[in-house]
Amino acid sequence: MAVKATSKAAPAKAVKKTTPAKKLAAKKATIKKAAPAKKPAAAKTATAAVKLTPSQIATAALCKRIETILDTNKAEEIATLNLRDKCSFADFMIVASGRAPRHVSALADYVADMLKKSGTPPLSVEGKESGDWVLIDAGDIVVHIFRPEVRQFYNIEKMWALPAAAY
């Protein structure tokens, strides 16, 4: 004998479905009602992100390419300092070390060649003959390539790591 289960199903209640978009709209509506008065325009500009000009973006890209060239050619301790808010003569300073005077001069040659090929030849290359400290002026980027002993003596990163001056 088979037992037949009889159960009384409860009548289906009308369930009101709320989509996530509707929930968000309802939440925004309640927030708008209790929103405080608008902040002054000066406060908005202080907290807004700084927008870079196309030339600043191109300078940052060139800085990355110089870092890549130095890294590819075995430069050591590559450090990039953002000088945009600290001085007016450059946006970036790249400091790197070579193992020997010949390596320092070769790194300077690689960077100068890359700058020439990219259409922005270096304005000046100083110290390549001695190989202790080579300075390459690439306009908005200044590149220093040292022998490790000379870099430690001058400690140029510490000098430029000061906080930006308030004008």
Foldseek 3Di string as FASTA:
>chain_A
DDDDDDDDDDDDDDDDDDDPVNVVVVVVVVCVVVPDDDDDPVVVVVPDDDDDDPVVVVVVVLVVVLVVLCVVLPWADWDKDQCCQADDFAGIEIETEAADLVSLLVSVVSSQVVCVVVPQGWPDWPDNVVSAWIWTHRGRYIYIYHHVVVCVVVVVCVVSPDDGDDD
